[in-house]
Amino acid sequence: MMLEVALIDVLPGSEDAFETAYRGVKEALASSPGLISVRMTRGVETETRFVLLVEWDSLAAHQAFRDSDRYAVWRGGIGPHFANPPRIEHFTDVAGG
């Protein structure tokens, strides 16, 4: 299992529009082969900051999503609200954790 963490800053004033756009394209991500779970959170102190948490069964599954038509739908829906490109990192569980 691999956890993708994306730190997303949206344009000030577009927070609600971003949430609506996310709900509109979430299925493009959620229906991807190899996806285990997806969760979007919104900052409390910084309302323009969102964190996307996606569990994939492998890095290859994530890359297959990035290479698919689903990604174009996903990015096309939420991308216009980005203040800058998201910061994305991948994590694996610590043994015994």
C-alpha atoms as a PDB file:
ATOM      1  CA  MET A   1       0.000   0.000   0.000  1.00  0.00           C
ATOM      2  CA  MET A   2       1.149   3.505  -0.781  1.00  0.00           C
ATOM      3  CA  LEU A   3      -0.256   6.785   0.522  1.00  0.00           C
ATOM      4  CA  GLU A   4      -0.253   9.803  -1.771  1.00  0.00           C
ATOM      5  CA  VAL A   5      -0.383  13.122   0.089  1.00  0.00           C
ATOM      6  CA  ALA A   6      -1.121  16.236  -1.940  1.00  0.00           C
ATOM      7  CA  LEU A   7      -0.913  19.682  -0.377  1.00  0.00           C
ATOM      8  CA  ILE A   8      -3.181  21.926  -2.437  1.00  0.00           C
ATOM      9  CA  ASP A   9      -3.389  25.707  -2.106  1.00  0.00           C
ATOM     10  CA  VAL A  10      -6.330  27.265  -3.930  1.00  0.00           C
ATOM     11  CA  LEU A  11      -6.877  30.817  -5.051  1.00  0.00           C
ATOM     12  CA  PRO A  12      -8.285  32.999  -2.258  1.00  0.00           C
ATOM     13  CA  GLY A  13     -12.046  33.229  -2.590  1.00  0.00           C
ATOM     14  CA  SER A  14     -12.339  29.992  -4.599  1.00  0.00           C
ATOM     15  CA  GLU A  15     -12.484  27.588  -1.645  1.00  0.00           C
ATOM     16  CA  ASP A  16     -16.183  26.756  -2.021  1.00  0.00           C
ATOM     17  CA  ALA A  17     -15.890  26.496  -5.815  1.00  0.00           C
ATOM     18  CA  PHE A  18     -12.951  24.119  -5.375  1.00  0.00           C
ATOM     19  CA  GLU A  19     -14.987  21.917  -3.017  1.00  0.00           C
ATOM     20  CA  THR A  20     -17.845  21.843  -5.534  1.00  0.00           C
ATOM     21  CA  ALA A  21     -15.451  21.021  -8.375  1.00  0.00           C
ATOM     22  CA  TYR A  22     -13.879  18.242  -6.277  1.00  0.00           C
ATOM     23  CA  ARG A  23     -17.272  16.659  -5.642  1.00  0.00           C
ATOM     24  CA  GLY A  24     -17.958  16.847  -9.389  1.00  0.00           C
ATOM     25  CA  VAL A  25     -14.794  14.986 -10.426  1.00  0.00           C
ATOM     26  CA  LYS A  26     -14.115  12.776  -7.399  1.00  0.00           C
ATOM     27  CA  GLU A  27     -15.543   9.713  -9.153  1.00  0.00           C
ATOM     28  CA  ALA A  28     -12.934  10.016 -11.926  1.00  0.00           C
ATOM     29  CA  LEU A  29     -10.334   9.365  -9.238  1.00  0.00           C
ATOM     30  CA  ALA A  30     -12.363   7.059  -6.979  1.00  0.00           C
ATOM     31  CA  SER A  31     -13.166   4.632  -9.806  1.00  0.00           C
ATOM     32  CA  SER A  32      -9.496   4.180 -10.756  1.00  0.00           C
ATOM     33  CA  PRO A  33      -8.080   0.643 -10.647  1.00  0.00           C
ATOM     34  CA  GLY A  34      -5.820   0.168  -7.652  1.00  0.00           C
ATOM     35  CA  LEU A  35      -7.368   2.964  -5.579  1.00  0.00           C
ATOM     36  CA  ILE A  36      -8.130   1.897  -2.005  1.00  0.00           C
ATOM     37  CA  SER A  37      -9.473   5.131  -0.496  1.00  0.00           C
ATOM     38  CA  VAL A  38      -9.616   8.878  -1.066  1.00  0.00           C
ATOM     39  CA  ARG A  39     -10.174  11.738   1.356  1.00  0.00           C
ATOM     40  CA  MET A  40     -10.026  15.531   0.931  1.00  0.00           C
ATOM     41  CA  THR A  41      -9.545  17.751   3.984  1.00  0.00           C
ATOM     42  CA  ARG A  42      -9.647  21.540   4.364  1.00  0.00           C
ATOM     43  CA  GLY A  43      -7.352  23.634   6.521  1.00  0.00           C
ATOM     44  CA  VAL A  44      -8.720  25.199   9.667  1.00  0.00           C
ATOM     45  CA  GLU A  45      -6.082  27.887  10.151  1.00  0.00           C
ATOM     46  CA  THR A  46      -5.478  28.321   6.402  1.00  0.00           C
ATOM     47  CA  GLU A  47      -8.839  27.982   4.649  1.00  0.00           C
ATOM     48  CA  THR A  48      -7.252  28.100   1.196  1.00  0.00           C
ATOM     49  CA  ARG A  49      -5.215  24.943   1.956  1.00  0.00           C
ATOM     50  CA  PHE A  50      -6.524  21.453   1.261  1.00  0.00           C
ATOM     51  CA  VAL A  51      -4.889  18.080   1.787  1.00  0.00           C
ATOM     52  CA  LEU A  52      -5.775  15.150  -0.457  1.00  0.00           C
ATOM     53  CA  LEU A  53      -5.040  11.681   0.943  1.00  0.00           C
ATOM     54  CA  VAL A  54      -5.186   8.805  -1.538  1.00  0.00           C
ATOM     55  CA  GLU A  55      -4.345   5.199  -0.732  1.00  0.00           C
ATOM     56  CA  TRP A  56      -3.180   3.184  -3.730  1.00  0.00           C
ATOM     57  CA  ASP A  57      -2.320  -0.486  -3.846  1.00  0.00           C
ATOM     58  CA  SER A  58       0.941   0.495  -5.624  1.00  0.00           C
ATOM     59  CA  LEU A  59       2.856   3.388  -7.128  1.00  0.00           C
ATOM     60  CA  ALA A  60       2.189   1.779 -10.522  1.00  0.00           C
ATOM     61  CA  ALA A  61      -1.580   2.141  -9.942  1.00  0.00           C
ATOM     62  CA  HIS A  62      -1.113   5.839  -9.245  1.00  0.00           C
ATOM     63  CA  GLN A  63       0.997   6.245 -12.379  1.00  0.00           C
ATOM     64  CA  ALA A  64      -1.633   4.400 -14.438  1.00  0.00           C
ATOM     65  CA  PHE A  65      -4.210   6.926 -13.194  1.00  0.00           C
ATOM     66  CA  ARG A  66      -1.897   9.802 -14.165  1.00  0.00           C
ATOM     67  CA  ASP A  67      -1.602   8.311 -17.666  1.00  0.00           C
ATOM     68  CA  SER A  68      -5.361   7.800 -18.067  1.00  0.00           C
ATOM     69  CA  ASP A  69      -8.248   9.866 -19.405  1.00  0.00           C
ATOM     70  CA  ARG A  70      -9.603   9.941 -15.836  1.00  0.00           C
ATOM     71  CA  TYR A  71      -6.688  12.163 -14.832  1.00  0.00           C
ATOM     72  CA  ALA A  72      -7.559  14.731 -17.504  1.00  0.00           C
ATOM     73  CA  VAL A  73     -11.118  14.898 -16.145  1.00  0.00           C
ATOM     74  CA  TRP A  74      -9.825  15.121 -12.555  1.00  0.00           C
ATOM     75  CA  ARG A  75      -7.232  17.805 -13.201  1.00  0.00           C
ATOM     76  CA  GLY A  76      -9.493  19.729 -15.565  1.00  0.00           C
ATOM     77  CA  GLY A  77     -12.144  20.002 -12.873  1.00  0.00           C
ATOM     78  CA  ILE A  78     -10.026  21.101  -9.932  1.00  0.00           C
ATOM     79  CA  GLY A  79      -6.921  22.565 -11.600  1.00  0.00           C
ATOM     80  CA  PRO A  80      -8.379  25.996 -12.426  1.00  0.00           C
ATOM     81  CA  HIS A  81      -8.665  26.695  -8.685  1.00  0.00           C
ATOM     82  CA  PHE A  82      -5.001  26.001  -7.851  1.00  0.00           C
ATOM     83  CA  ALA A  83      -2.946  28.939  -6.614  1.00  0.00           C
ATOM     84  CA  ASN A  84       0.167  26.959  -7.568  1.00  0.00           C
ATOM     85  CA  PRO A  85       0.961  23.348  -8.479  1.00  0.00           C
ATOM     86  CA  PRO A  86       0.167  20.934  -5.637  1.00  0.00           C
ATOM     87  CA  ARG A  87       3.023  19.490  -3.628  1.00  0.00           C
ATOM     88  CA  ILE A  88       2.723  15.703  -3.871  1.00  0.00           C
ATOM     89  CA  GLU A  89       4.640  13.063  -1.936  1.00  0.00           C
ATOM     90  CA  HIS A  90       4.229   9.314  -1.517  1.00  0.00           C
ATOM     91  CA  PHE A  91       4.553   7.369   1.716  1.00  0.00           C
ATOM     92  CA  THR A  92       4.613   3.750   2.847  1.00  0.00           C
ATOM     93  CA  ASP A  93       3.824   2.340   6.272  1.00  0.00           C
ATOM     94  CA  VAL A  94       6.578   1.901   8.818  1.00  0.00           C
ATOM     95  CA  ALA A  95       7.129  -1.759   9.707  1.00  0.00           C
ATOM     96  CA  GLY A  96       5.419  -2.614  12.957  1.00  0.00           C
ATOM     97  CA  GLY A  97       3.559   0.672  12.856  1.00  0.00           C
END
